[in-house]
């Protein structure tokens, strides 16, 4: 909840990896754009600068968005994860919307 810096990557490598599937590269870009619009986190481009790592995967059958604590990543277990068909599309990314809602619920005053 105290995280400030976020790094977005895919399970198969970062956005600059020449072997990365175009779908995953687009998913990284989509999530980065959504994070900037949301404004809760500052986007960083080095995992060592991050408090939180968002890992994505986009396949025709299913998209994945997972949140990891950057200080134990990639060895530790994810903190939050959601999967769904067409969840990380360029103009509509319901997985990111669900992340935002989960974050807002977790940080709401009790």
PDB file of N, CA and C in Angstrom:
ATOM      1  N   UNK A   1       0.805  -1.196   0.000  1.00  0.00           N
ATOM      2  CA  UNK A   1       0.000   0.000   0.000  1.00  0.00           C
ATOM      3  C   UNK A   1       0.851   1.264   0.000  1.00  0.00           C
ATOM      4  N   UNK A   2       2.099   1.144   0.449  1.00  0.00           N
ATOM      5  CA  UNK A   2       2.991   2.303   0.491  1.00  0.00           C
ATOM      6  C   UNK A   2       3.850   2.430  -0.755  1.00  0.00           C
ATOM      7  N   UNK A   3       3.606   1.573  -1.724  1.00  0.00           N
ATOM      8  CA  UNK A   3       4.404   1.598  -2.949  1.00  0.00           C
ATOM      9  C   UNK A   3       4.207   2.909  -3.693  1.00  0.00           C
ATOM     10  N   UNK A   4       5.302   3.358  -4.291  1.00  0.00           N
ATOM     11  CA  UNK A   4       5.244   4.606  -5.047  1.00  0.00           C
ATOM     12  C   UNK A   4       5.705   4.422  -6.498  1.00  0.00           C
ATOM     13  N   UNK A   5       6.665   3.534  -6.705  1.00  0.00           N
ATOM     14  CA  UNK A   5       7.259   3.340  -8.030  1.00  0.00           C
ATOM     15  C   UNK A   5       6.881   1.975  -8.581  1.00  0.00           C
ATOM     16  N   UNK A   6       6.489   1.940  -9.854  1.00  0.00           N
ATOM     17  CA  UNK A   6       6.038   0.702 -10.484  1.00  0.00           C
ATOM     18  C   UNK A   6       6.829   0.443 -11.767  1.00  0.00           C
ATOM     19  N   UNK A   7       7.171  -0.818 -11.960  1.00  0.00           N
ATOM     20  CA  UNK A   7       7.863  -1.289 -13.161  1.00  0.00           C
ATOM     21  C   UNK A   7       6.949  -2.306 -13.834  1.00  0.00           C
ATOM     22  N   UNK A   8       6.771  -2.189 -15.143  1.00  0.00           N
ATOM     23  CA  UNK A   8       5.895  -3.095 -15.890  1.00  0.00           C
ATOM     24  C   UNK A   8       6.743  -3.924 -16.843  1.00  0.00           C
ATOM     25  N   UNK A   9       6.559  -5.231 -16.792  1.00  0.00           N
ATOM     26  CA  UNK A   9       7.300  -6.143 -17.648  1.00  0.00           C
ATOM     27  C   UNK A   9       6.393  -7.317 -18.000  1.00  0.00           C
ATOM     28  N   UNK A  10       6.913  -8.255 -18.788  1.00  0.00           N
ATOM     29  CA  UNK A  10       6.134  -9.458 -19.092  1.00  0.00           C
ATOM     30  C   UNK A  10       6.855 -10.670 -18.528  1.00  0.00           C
ATOM     31  N   UNK A  11       6.164 -11.773 -18.505  1.00  0.00           N
ATOM     32  CA  UNK A  11       6.766 -13.014 -18.019  1.00  0.00           C
ATOM     33  C   UNK A  11       7.905 -13.471 -18.930  1.00  0.00           C
ATOM     34  N   UNK A  12       7.915 -12.989 -20.170  1.00  0.00           N
ATOM     35  CA  UNK A  12       8.938 -13.415 -21.130  1.00  0.00           C
ATOM     36  C   UNK A  12      10.025 -12.373 -21.363  1.00  0.00           C
ATOM     37  N   UNK A  13      10.018 -11.281 -20.598  1.00  0.00           N
ATOM     38  CA  UNK A  13      11.060 -10.269 -20.749  1.00  0.00           C
ATOM     39  C   UNK A  13      10.480  -8.872 -20.798  1.00  0.00           C
ATOM     40  N   UNK A  14      11.378  -7.889 -20.776  1.00  0.00           N
ATOM     41  CA  UNK A  14      10.913  -6.497 -20.771  1.00  0.00           C
ATOM     42  C   UNK A  14      10.571  -6.027 -22.177  1.00  0.00           C
ATOM     43  N   UNK A  15      10.052  -4.818 -22.276  1.00  0.00           N
ATOM     44  CA  UNK A  15       9.564  -4.300 -23.549  1.00  0.00           C
ATOM     45  C   UNK A  15      10.655  -4.124 -24.592  1.00  0.00           C
ATOM     46  N   UNK A  16      11.908  -4.106 -24.168  1.00  0.00           N
ATOM     47  CA  UNK A  16      13.015  -3.917 -25.108  1.00  0.00           C
ATOM     48  C   UNK A  16      13.636  -5.234 -25.569  1.00  0.00           C
ATOM     49  N   UNK A  17      13.128  -6.341 -25.076  1.00  0.00           N
ATOM     50  CA  UNK A  17      13.610  -7.659 -25.469  1.00  0.00           C
ATOM     51  C   UNK A  17      13.179  -7.922 -26.915  1.00  0.00           C
ATOM     52  N   UNK A  18      14.142  -8.121 -27.837  1.00  0.00           N
ATOM     53  CA  UNK A  18      13.775  -8.309 -29.248  1.00  0.00           C
ATOM     54  C   UNK A  18      12.987  -9.588 -29.502  1.00  0.00           C
ATOM     55  N   UNK A  19      13.059 -10.556 -28.580  1.00  0.00           N
ATOM     56  CA  UNK A  19      12.336 -11.815 -28.757  1.00  0.00           C
ATOM     57  C   UNK A  19      10.938 -11.801 -28.144  1.00  0.00           C
ATOM     58  N   UNK A  20      10.548 -10.681 -27.558  1.00  0.00           N
ATOM     59  CA  UNK A  20       9.242 -10.585 -26.915  1.00  0.00           C
ATOM     60  C   UNK A  20       8.130 -10.606 -27.963  1.00  0.00           C
ATOM     61  N   UNK A  21       7.078 -11.336 -27.666  1.00  0.00           N
ATOM     62  CA  UNK A  21       5.932 -11.378 -28.578  1.00  0.00           C
ATOM     63  C   UNK A  21       5.298  -9.988 -28.681  1.00  0.00           C
ATOM     64  N   UNK A  22       4.852  -9.605 -29.866  1.00  0.00           N
ATOM     65  CA  UNK A  22       4.224  -8.290 -30.029  1.00  0.00           C
ATOM     66  C   UNK A  22       3.026  -8.078 -29.101  1.00  0.00           C
ATOM     67  N   UNK A  23       2.277  -9.139 -28.823  1.00  0.00           N
ATOM     68  CA  UNK A  23       1.124  -9.028 -27.928  1.00  0.00           C
ATOM     69  C   UNK A  23       1.556  -8.635 -26.518  1.00  0.00           C
ATOM     70  N   UNK A  24       2.671  -9.210 -26.049  1.00  0.00           N
ATOM     71  CA  UNK A  24       3.175  -8.871 -24.718  1.00  0.00           C
ATOM     72  C   UNK A  24       3.739  -7.449 -24.693  1.00  0.00           C
ATOM     73  N   UNK A  25       4.407  -7.059 -25.764  1.00  0.00           N
ATOM     74  CA  UNK A  25       4.931  -5.688 -25.844  1.00  0.00           C
ATOM     75  C   UNK A  25       3.781  -4.681 -25.780  1.00  0.00           C
ATOM     76  N   UNK A  26       2.689  -4.979 -26.485  1.00  0.00           N
ATOM     77  CA  UNK A  26       1.514  -4.106 -26.458  1.00  0.00           C
ATOM     78  C   UNK A  26       0.873  -4.099 -25.071  1.00  0.00           C
ATOM     79  N   UNK A  27       0.826  -5.260 -24.413  1.00  0.00           N
ATOM     80  CA  UNK A  27       0.249  -5.335 -23.064  1.00  0.00           C
ATOM     81  C   UNK A  27       1.065  -4.495 -22.081  1.00  0.00           C
ATOM     82  N   UNK A  28       2.385  -4.524 -22.193  1.00  0.00           N
ATOM     83  CA  UNK A  28       3.241  -3.694 -21.337  1.00  0.00           C
ATOM     84  C   UNK A  28       2.904  -2.225 -21.561  1.00  0.00           C
ATOM     85  N   UNK A  29       2.827  -1.833 -22.813  1.00  0.00           N
ATOM     86  CA  UNK A  29       2.522  -0.444 -23.153  1.00  0.00           C
ATOM     87  C   UNK A  29       1.146  -0.028 -22.626  1.00  0.00           C
ATOM     88  N   UNK A  30       0.168  -0.904 -22.778  1.00  0.00           N
ATOM     89  CA  UNK A  30      -1.191  -0.631 -22.303  1.00  0.00           C
ATOM     90  C   UNK A  30      -1.205  -0.413 -20.798  1.00  0.00           C
ATOM     91  N   UNK A  31      -0.514  -1.274 -20.064  1.00  0.00           N
ATOM     92  CA  UNK A  31      -0.495  -1.164 -18.606  1.00  0.00           C
ATOM     93  C   UNK A  31       0.295   0.074 -18.177  1.00  0.00           C
ATOM     94  N   UNK A  32       1.400   0.364 -18.858  1.00  0.00           N
ATOM     95  CA  UNK A  32       2.153   1.581 -18.542  1.00  0.00           C
ATOM     96  C   UNK A  32       1.285   2.826 -18.738  1.00  0.00           C
ATOM     97  N   UNK A  33       0.574   2.881 -19.845  1.00  0.00           N
ATOM     98  CA  UNK A  33      -0.313   4.016 -20.102  1.00  0.00           C
ATOM     99  C   UNK A  33      -1.385   4.127 -19.019  1.00  0.00           C
ATOM    100  N   UNK A  34      -1.970   3.000 -18.640  1.00  0.00           N
ATOM    101  CA  UNK A  34      -3.012   3.002 -17.612  1.00  0.00           C
ATOM    102  C   UNK A  34      -2.460   3.461 -16.265  1.00  0.00           C
ATOM    103  N   UNK A  35      -1.242   3.057 -15.931  1.00  0.00           N
ATOM    104  CA  UNK A  35      -0.631   3.470 -14.666  1.00  0.00           C
ATOM    105  C   UNK A  35      -0.392   4.979 -14.654  1.00  0.00           C
ATOM    106  N   UNK A  36       0.049   5.515 -15.778  1.00  0.00           N
ATOM    107  CA  UNK A  36       0.269   6.961 -15.853  1.00  0.00           C
ATOM    108  C   UNK A  36      -1.039   7.725 -15.730  1.00  0.00           C
ATOM    109  N   UNK A  37      -2.090   7.238 -16.364  1.00  0.00           N
ATOM    110  CA  UNK A  37      -3.391   7.908 -16.285  1.00  0.00           C
ATOM    111  C   UNK A  37      -3.973   7.813 -14.878  1.00  0.00           C
ATOM    112  N   UNK A  38      -3.775   6.692 -14.216  1.00  0.00           N
ATOM    113  CA  UNK A  38      -4.308   6.485 -12.871  1.00  0.00           C
ATOM    114  C   UNK A  38      -3.646   7.436 -11.881  1.00  0.00           C
ATOM    115  N   UNK A  39      -2.337   7.585 -12.000  1.00  0.00           N
ATOM    116  CA  UNK A  39      -1.623   8.552 -11.182  1.00  0.00           C
ATOM    117  C   UNK A  39      -1.260   8.116  -9.775  1.00  0.00           C
ATOM    118  N   UNK A  40      -1.525   6.886  -9.396  1.00  0.00           N
ATOM    119  CA  UNK A  40      -1.175   6.400  -8.046  1.00  0.00           C
ATOM    120  C   UNK A  40       0.299   6.061  -7.923  1.00  0.00           C
ATOM    121  N   UNK A  41       0.928   5.716  -9.041  1.00  0.00           N
ATOM    122  CA  UNK A  41       2.324   5.282  -9.051  1.00  0.00           C
ATOM    123  C   UNK A  41       3.125   6.098 -10.050  1.00  0.00           C
ATOM    124  N   UNK A  42       4.423   6.108  -9.837  1.00  0.00           N
ATOM    125  CA  UNK A  42       5.350   6.712 -10.792  1.00  0.00           C
ATOM    126  C   UNK A  42       5.986   5.568 -11.569  1.00  0.00           C
ATOM    127  N   UNK A  43       5.900   5.632 -12.875  1.00  0.00           N
ATOM    128  CA  UNK A  43       6.426   4.588 -13.749  1.00  0.00           C
ATOM    129  C   UNK A  43       7.947   4.683 -13.817  1.00  0.00           C
ATOM    130  N   UNK A  44       8.628   3.545 -13.618  1.00  0.00           N
ATOM    131  CA  UNK A  44      10.082   3.478 -13.759  1.00  0.00           C
ATOM    132  C   UNK A  44      10.417   2.419 -14.802  1.00  0.00           C
ATOM    133  N   UNK A  45      11.619   2.510 -15.354  1.00  0.00           N
ATOM    134  CA  UNK A  45      12.005   1.610 -16.440  1.00  0.00           C
ATOM    135  C   UNK A  45      13.149   0.679 -16.061  1.00  0.00           C
ATOM    136  N   UNK A  46      13.456   0.616 -14.775  1.00  0.00           N
ATOM    137  CA  UNK A  46      14.460  -0.317 -14.238  1.00  0.00           C
ATOM    138  C   UNK A  46      13.819  -1.021 -13.048  1.00  0.00           C
ATOM    139  N   UNK A  47      13.843  -2.346 -13.005  1.00  0.00           N
ATOM    140  CA  UNK A  47      13.196  -3.042 -11.887  1.00  0.00           C
ATOM    141  C   UNK A  47      13.807  -2.680 -10.528  1.00  0.00           C
ATOM    142  N   UNK A  48      15.080  -2.347 -10.481  1.00  0.00           N
ATOM    143  CA  UNK A  48      15.721  -2.010  -9.198  1.00  0.00           C
ATOM    144  C   UNK A  48      15.214  -0.688  -8.626  1.00  0.00           C
ATOM    145  N   UNK A  49      14.562   0.134  -9.447  1.00  0.00           N
ATOM    146  CA  UNK A  49      14.010   1.406  -8.981  1.00  0.00           C
ATOM    147  C   UNK A  49      12.585   1.266  -8.460  1.00  0.00           C
ATOM    148  N   UNK A  50      11.981   0.103  -8.628  1.00  0.00           N
ATOM    149  CA  UNK A  50      10.557  -0.085  -8.347  1.00  0.00           C
ATOM    150  C   UNK A  50      10.295  -0.580  -6.929  1.00  0.00           C
ATOM    151  N   UNK A  51       9.109  -0.252  -6.442  1.00  0.00           N
ATOM    152  CA  UNK A  51       8.574  -0.839  -5.219  1.00  0.00           C
ATOM    153  C   UNK A  51       7.671  -2.024  -5.565  1.00  0.00           C
ATOM    154  N   UNK A  52       7.026  -1.914  -6.733  1.00  0.00           N
ATOM    155  CA  UNK A  52       6.072  -2.917  -7.199  1.00  0.00           C
ATOM    156  C   UNK A  52       6.391  -3.246  -8.652  1.00  0.00           C
ATOM    157  N   UNK A  53       6.282  -4.529  -8.986  1.00  0.00           N
ATOM    158  CA  UNK A  53       6.459  -4.974 -10.373  1.00  0.00           C
ATOM    159  C   UNK A  53       5.120  -5.534 -10.849  1.00  0.00           C
ATOM    160  N   UNK A  54       4.672  -5.046 -11.993  1.00  0.00           N
ATOM    161  CA  UNK A  54       3.482  -5.590 -12.642  1.00  0.00           C
ATOM    162  C   UNK A  54       3.948  -6.472 -13.797  1.00  0.00           C
ATOM    163  N   UNK A  55       3.546  -7.728 -13.756  1.00  0.00           N
ATOM    164  CA  UNK A  55       3.917  -8.668 -14.814  1.00  0.00           C
ATOM    165  C   UNK A  55       2.681  -8.967 -15.639  1.00  0.00           C
ATOM    166  N   UNK A  56       2.865  -8.940 -16.959  1.00  0.00           N
ATOM    167  CA  UNK A  56       1.754  -9.165 -17.873  1.00  0.00           C
ATOM    168  C   UNK A  56       2.060 -10.304 -18.836  1.00  0.00           C
ATOM    169  N   UNK A  57       1.009 -10.860 -19.375  1.00  0.00           N
ATOM    170  CA  UNK A  57       1.114 -11.831 -20.460  1.00  0.00           C
ATOM    171  C   UNK A  57      -0.168 -11.713 -21.256  1.00  0.00           C
ATOM    172  N   UNK A  58      -0.044 -11.642 -22.567  1.00  0.00           N
ATOM    173  CA  UNK A  58      -1.218 -11.536 -23.420  1.00  0.00           C
ATOM    174  C   UNK A  58      -1.193 -12.648 -24.461  1.00  0.00           C
ATOM    175  N   UNK A  59      -2.191 -13.501 -24.386  1.00  0.00           N
ATOM    176  CA  UNK A  59      -2.338 -14.597 -25.334  1.00  0.00           C
ATOM    177  C   UNK A  59      -3.762 -14.569 -25.870  1.00  0.00           C
ATOM    178  N   UNK A  60      -3.993 -15.178 -27.044  1.00  0.00           N
ATOM    179  CA  UNK A  60      -5.356 -15.179 -27.587  1.00  0.00           C
ATOM    180  C   UNK A  60      -6.379 -15.787 -26.627  1.00  0.00           C
ATOM    181  N   UNK A  61      -5.962 -16.773 -25.854  1.00  0.00           N
ATOM    182  CA  UNK A  61      -6.905 -17.449 -24.962  1.00  0.00           C
ATOM    183  C   UNK A  61      -7.095 -16.730 -23.632  1.00  0.00           C
ATOM    184  N   UNK A  62      -6.060 -15.978 -23.180  1.00  0.00           N
ATOM    185  CA  UNK A  62      -6.148 -15.376 -21.853  1.00  0.00           C
ATOM    186  C   UNK A  62      -5.029 -14.364 -21.633  1.00  0.00           C
ATOM    187  N   UNK A  63      -5.355 -13.290 -20.929  1.00  0.00           N
ATOM    188  CA  UNK A  63      -4.369 -12.300 -20.507  1.00  0.00           C
ATOM    189  C   UNK A  63      -4.175 -12.440 -19.006  1.00  0.00           C
ATOM    190  N   UNK A  64      -2.985 -12.046 -18.533  1.00  0.00           N
ATOM    191  CA  UNK A  64      -2.650 -12.137 -17.112  1.00  0.00           C
ATOM    192  C   UNK A  64      -2.033 -10.813 -16.672  1.00  0.00           C
ATOM    193  N   UNK A  65      -2.421 -10.360 -15.485  1.00  0.00           N
ATOM    194  CA  UNK A  65      -1.800  -9.213 -14.826  1.00  0.00           C
ATOM    195  C   UNK A  65      -1.548  -9.631 -13.384  1.00  0.00           C
ATOM    196  N   UNK A  66      -0.286  -9.540 -12.956  1.00  0.00           N
ATOM    197  CA  UNK A  66       0.078  -9.917 -11.587  1.00  0.00           C
ATOM    198  C   UNK A  66       0.923  -8.823 -10.967  1.00  0.00           C
ATOM    199  N   UNK A  67       0.770  -8.664  -9.648  1.00  0.00           N
ATOM    200  CA  UNK A  67       1.505  -7.661  -8.877  1.00  0.00           C
ATOM    201  C   UNK A  67       2.482  -8.381  -7.970  1.00  0.00           C
ATOM    202  N   UNK A  68       3.740  -7.944  -7.989  1.00  0.00           N
ATOM    203  CA  UNK A  68       4.790  -8.507  -7.147  1.00  0.00           C
ATOM    204  C   UNK A  68       5.456  -7.404  -6.337  1.00  0.00           C
ATOM    205  N   UNK A  69       5.917  -7.751  -5.157  1.00  0.00           N
ATOM    206  CA  UNK A  69       6.769  -6.856  -4.372  1.00  0.00           C
ATOM    207  C   UNK A  69       8.121  -6.849  -5.067  1.00  0.00           C
ATOM    208  N   UNK A  70       8.586  -5.697  -5.486  1.00  0.00           N
ATOM    209  CA  UNK A  70       9.830  -5.608  -6.263  1.00  0.00           C
ATOM    210  C   UNK A  70      11.053  -6.014  -5.452  1.00  0.00           C
ATOM    211  N   UNK A  71      10.952  -5.964  -4.138  1.00  0.00           N
ATOM    212  CA  UNK A  71      12.123  -6.242  -3.308  1.00  0.00           C
ATOM    213  C   UNK A  71      12.412  -7.728  -3.152  1.00  0.00           C
ATOM    214  N   UNK A  72      11.487  -8.586  -3.541  1.00  0.00           N
ATOM    215  CA  UNK A  72      11.734 -10.023  -3.522  1.00  0.00           C
ATOM    216  C   UNK A  72      11.504 -10.667  -4.870  1.00  0.00           C
ATOM    217  N   UNK A  73      11.217  -9.837  -5.848  1.00  0.00           N
ATOM    218  CA  UNK A  73      10.889 -10.306  -7.189  1.00  0.00           C
ATOM    219  C   UNK A  73      12.147 -10.761  -7.894  1.00  0.00           C
ATOM    220  N   UNK A  74      12.116 -11.783  -8.691  1.00  0.00           N
ATOM    221  CA  UNK A  74      10.961 -12.580  -9.110  1.00  0.00           C
ATOM    222  C   UNK A  74      10.751 -13.850  -8.294  1.00  0.00           C
ATOM    223  N   UNK A  75      11.537 -14.035  -7.236  1.00  0.00           N
ATOM    224  CA  UNK A  75      11.450 -15.273  -6.465  1.00  0.00           C
ATOM    225  C   UNK A  75      10.193 -15.395  -5.634  1.00  0.00           C
ATOM    226  N   UNK A  76       9.651 -14.271  -5.163  1.00  0.00           N
ATOM    227  CA  UNK A  76       8.516 -14.354  -4.250  1.00  0.00           C
ATOM    228  C   UNK A  76       7.191 -14.574  -4.977  1.00  0.00           C
ATOM    229  N   UNK A  77       6.182 -14.890  -4.208  1.00  0.00           N
ATOM    230  CA  UNK A  77       4.836 -15.132  -4.716  1.00  0.00           C
ATOM    231  C   UNK A  77       4.168 -13.801  -5.068  1.00  0.00           C
ATOM    232  N   UNK A  78       3.294 -13.817  -6.047  1.00  0.00           N
ATOM    233  CA  UNK A  78       2.584 -12.596  -6.396  1.00  0.00           C
ATOM    234  C   UNK A  78       1.695 -12.151  -5.232  1.00  0.00           C
ATOM    235  N   UNK A  79       1.429 -10.842  -5.178  1.00  0.00           N
ATOM    236  CA  UNK A  79       0.559 -10.261  -4.159  1.00  0.00           C
ATOM    237  C   UNK A  79      -0.898 -10.230  -4.615  1.00  0.00           C
ATOM    238  N   UNK A  80      -1.081 -10.108  -5.928  1.00  0.00           N
ATOM    239  CA  UNK A  80      -2.414 -10.036  -6.527  1.00  0.00           C
ATOM    240  C   UNK A  80      -2.278 -10.501  -7.963  1.00  0.00           C
ATOM    241  N   UNK A  81      -3.265 -11.222  -8.440  1.00  0.00           N
ATOM    242  CA  UNK A  81      -3.198 -11.712  -9.820  1.00  0.00           C
ATOM    243  C   UNK A  81      -4.608 -11.893 -10.353  1.00  0.00           C
ATOM    244  N   UNK A  82      -4.768 -11.554 -11.629  1.00  0.00           N
ATOM    245  CA  UNK A  82      -6.054 -11.742 -12.281  1.00  0.00           C
ATOM    246  C   UNK A  82      -5.816 -12.172 -13.728  1.00  0.00           C
ATOM    247  N   UNK A  83      -6.701 -13.024 -14.214  1.00  0.00           N
ATOM    248  CA  UNK A  83      -6.611 -13.509 -15.582  1.00  0.00           C
ATOM    249  C   UNK A  83      -7.964 -13.333 -16.251  1.00  0.00           C
ATOM    250  N   UNK A  84      -7.943 -13.161 -17.551  1.00  0.00           N
ATOM    251  CA  UNK A  84      -9.195 -13.068 -18.282  1.00  0.00           C
ATOM    252  C   UNK A  84      -8.960 -12.868 -19.766  1.00  0.00           C
ATOM    253  N   UNK A  85      -9.909 -13.284 -20.547  1.00  0.00           N
ATOM    254  CA  UNK A  85      -9.823 -13.123 -21.992  1.00  0.00           C
ATOM    255  C   UNK A  85      -9.962 -11.645 -22.349  1.00  0.00           C
ATOM    256  N   UNK A  86      -9.084 -11.164 -23.221  1.00  0.00           N
ATOM    257  CA  UNK A  86      -9.078  -9.769 -23.680  1.00  0.00           C
ATOM    258  C   UNK A  86      -8.995  -8.783 -22.517  1.00  0.00           C
ATOM    259  N   UNK A  87      -8.183  -9.100 -21.533  1.00  0.00           N
ATOM    260  CA  UNK A  87      -8.086  -8.278 -20.337  1.00  0.00           C
ATOM    261  C   UNK A  87      -7.108  -7.133 -20.419  1.00  0.00           C
ATOM    262  N   UNK A  88      -6.236  -7.144 -21.440  1.00  0.00           N
ATOM    263  CA  UNK A  88      -5.205  -6.109 -21.554  1.00  0.00           C
ATOM    264  C   UNK A  88      -5.178  -5.509 -22.953  1.00  0.00           C
ATOM    265  N   UNK A  89      -6.338  -5.179 -23.467  1.00  0.00           N
ATOM    266  CA  UNK A  89      -6.403  -4.597 -24.803  1.00  0.00           C
ATOM    267  C   UNK A  89      -6.062  -3.115 -24.759  1.00  0.00           C
ATOM    268  N   UNK A  90      -5.627  -2.586 -25.877  1.00  0.00           N
ATOM    269  CA  UNK A  90      -5.120  -1.224 -25.945  1.00  0.00           C
ATOM    270  C   UNK A  90      -6.128  -0.177 -25.471  1.00  0.00           C
ATOM    271  N   UNK A  91      -7.352  -0.249 -25.915  1.00  0.00           N
ATOM    272  CA  UNK A  91      -8.332   0.777 -25.563  1.00  0.00           C
ATOM    273  C   UNK A  91      -9.163   0.429 -24.342  1.00  0.00           C
ATOM    274  N   UNK A  92      -9.177  -0.835 -23.974  1.00  0.00           N
ATOM    275  CA  UNK A  92      -9.952  -1.268 -22.828  1.00  0.00           C
ATOM    276  C   UNK A  92      -9.166  -2.344 -22.108  1.00  0.00           C
ATOM    277  N   UNK A  93      -8.873  -2.115 -20.841  1.00  0.00           N
ATOM    278  CA  UNK A  93      -8.061  -3.084 -20.090  1.00  0.00           C
ATOM    279  C   UNK A  93      -8.737  -3.390 -18.752  1.00  0.00           C
ATOM    280  N   UNK A  94      -9.725  -4.293 -18.771  1.00  0.00           N
ATOM    281  CA  UNK A  94     -10.464  -4.599 -17.547  1.00  0.00           C
ATOM    282  C   UNK A  94      -9.596  -5.148 -16.420  1.00  0.00           C
ATOM    283  N   UNK A  95      -8.493  -5.813 -16.737  1.00  0.00           N
ATOM    284  CA  UNK A  95      -7.626  -6.310 -15.660  1.00  0.00           C
ATOM    285  C   UNK A  95      -7.006  -5.148 -14.883  1.00  0.00           C
ATOM    286  N   UNK A  96      -6.627  -4.086 -15.578  1.00  0.00           N
ATOM    287  CA  UNK A  96      -6.079  -2.906 -14.904  1.00  0.00           C
ATOM    288  C   UNK A  96      -7.172  -2.232 -14.084  1.00  0.00           C
ATOM    289  N   UNK A  97      -8.366  -2.136 -14.624  1.00  0.00           N
ATOM    290  CA  UNK A  97      -9.484  -1.558 -13.880  1.00  0.00           C
ATOM    291  C   UNK A  97      -9.737  -2.342 -12.602  1.00  0.00           C
ATOM    292  N   UNK A  98      -9.680  -3.672 -12.670  1.00  0.00           N
ATOM    293  CA  UNK A  98      -9.865  -4.503 -11.485  1.00  0.00           C
ATOM    294  C   UNK A  98      -8.735  -4.295 -10.475  1.00  0.00           C
ATOM    295  N   UNK A  99      -7.510  -4.104 -10.955  1.00  0.00           N
ATOM    296  CA  UNK A  99      -6.393  -3.801 -10.061  1.00  0.00           C
ATOM    297  C   UNK A  99      -6.643  -2.484  -9.332  1.00  0.00           C
ATOM    298  N   UNK A 100      -7.059  -1.476 -10.062  1.00  0.00           N
ATOM    299  CA  UNK A 100      -7.338  -0.174  -9.456  1.00  0.00           C
ATOM    300  C   UNK A 100      -8.421  -0.296  -8.382  1.00  0.00           C
ATOM    301  N   UNK A 101      -9.483  -1.039  -8.665  1.00  0.00           N
ATOM    302  CA  UNK A 101     -10.559  -1.231  -7.688  1.00  0.00           C
ATOM    303  C   UNK A 101     -10.061  -1.980  -6.455  1.00  0.00           C
ATOM    304  N   UNK A 102      -9.260  -3.017  -6.663  1.00  0.00           N
ATOM    305  CA  UNK A 102      -8.709  -3.780  -5.528  1.00  0.00           C
ATOM    306  C   UNK A 102      -7.806  -2.894  -4.674  1.00  0.00           C
ATOM    307  N   UNK A 103      -7.001  -2.066  -5.306  1.00  0.00           N
ATOM    308  CA  UNK A 103      -6.123  -1.148  -4.585  1.00  0.00           C
ATOM    309  C   UNK A 103      -6.945  -0.139  -3.786  1.00  0.00           C
ATOM    310  N   UNK A 104      -7.963   0.418  -4.413  1.00  0.00           N
ATOM    311  CA  UNK A 104      -8.811   1.395  -3.726  1.00  0.00           C
ATOM    312  C   UNK A 104      -9.530   0.772  -2.523  1.00  0.00           C
ATOM    313  N   UNK A 105     -10.009  -0.475  -2.669  1.00  0.00           N
ATOM    314  CA  UNK A 105     -10.657  -1.162  -1.543  1.00  0.00           C
ATOM    315  C   UNK A 105      -9.665  -1.397  -0.411  1.00  0.00           C
ATOM    316  N   UNK A 106      -8.444  -1.791  -0.773  1.00  0.00           N
ATOM    317  CA  UNK A 106      -7.436  -2.091   0.248  1.00  0.00           C
ATOM    318  C   UNK A 106      -6.964  -0.858   0.989  1.00  0.00           C
ATOM    319  N   UNK A 107      -6.984   0.295   0.328  1.00  0.00           N
ATOM    320  CA  UNK A 107      -6.491   1.510   0.959  1.00  0.00           C
ATOM    321  C   UNK A 107      -7.596   2.399   1.519  1.00  0.00           C
ATOM    322  N   UNK A 108      -8.856   1.990   1.368  1.00  0.00           N
ATOM    323  CA  UNK A 108      -9.975   2.789   1.879  1.00  0.00           C
ATOM    324  C   UNK A 108      -9.953   2.780   3.405  1.00  0.00           C
ATOM    325  N   UNK A 109     -10.297   3.898   4.013  1.00  0.00           N
ATOM    326  CA  UNK A 109     -10.359   3.932   5.477  1.00  0.00           C
ATOM    327  C   UNK A 109     -11.395   2.919   5.987  1.00  0.00           C
ATOM    328  N   UNK A 110     -11.048   2.284   7.053  1.00  0.00           N
ATOM    329  CA  UNK A 110     -11.935   1.256   7.638  1.00  0.00           C
ATOM    330  C   UNK A 110     -12.874   1.863   8.628  1.00  0.00           C
TER     331      UNK A 110
END
